[in-house]
Amino acid sequence: MNRVKDYDRIIHYKIIVCSILGVVLLLCVGFWLLLDTFQVTNVYVEGNEHYTAEEIRRMVETGRYGDNSLYLSLKYRNKHITDIPFIEMMDVDVVDRNTIHIMVYEKTLAGYVEYLDNYMYFDKDGVIVECAGVQTVGIPLVTGLSFDHMVMYERLPVENEEIFQTILNVTQMLNKYDIITDKIHFNENYEMMLYFGDVRVDLGSTDLLEEKIQRLAAILPLIENKSGIVHMDNYESGDGDIMMTIN
């Protein structure tokens, strides 16, 4: 009788073990199918300016399951980015099982200043939002501002805080007309000068700013690889001639 009970117990244990192994096997197969079925082969990137689409893809597809579309979608759902310069947030959406769409939300930058061998990038309100060791094409260096210290995520301590709106206005106008300047400089009267290589463009005040920038866009091809000064500080609406001292 005991042998029969022992035999039944062994059969019962075997059934339990086989059931557990079967469930584990099914889970493993399901997990493998999940990884294989949702493997990323196509990536579409939007909103990126500071980084190429390939650089964004390499940033996103990191870690053990970095090539799995479902995993990436969950990982980057409304996630704020803290370890990648100039990027505030990235969303990853699954288009289909092998395709993801990456939407990049970059920080809005107006310019940067040099401070202690670093480049301190600030937003439209003058708040320092990024510190980097390299310059970024398309964002102008701003000089002529007076400050003796700065703190990350705080506004640059300058006397005239309206200067940040001026910087934003001119950078927006430059972007509108596809103009890239090396530097924006302010003199003691907060009059603006733009630098393009060895050419200085005296803009003066922000009066008629868009007209000035529009005229400047037409002038730039004529002064490429030259040196000298373009005088637009006394520009009046509809002026036909602009004084230039160019070599």
Foldseek 3Di string as FASTA:
>chain_A
DVVVVVVVVVVVVVVVVVVVVVVVVVVVVVVVCQLVQLFADAEAEPDDDQDDPVVVLVVQQDDDSSRGLVVSQVVQPQDADDPDPQWGGWHWDDPDSHYIYIYTDGDAWLAWEDDPQWTFTAHLQQAGADIHNDDTWLHEYEDAFDADDHDHRGHGPGDDSCLSNVSNVLSVLCVVLVHTFHHWYQHPVGFIWTHDPQEIEGQGDCVVVNVVSVVVSVCVVVQPPKHWYWYNNPPDPPDDDTDTDID
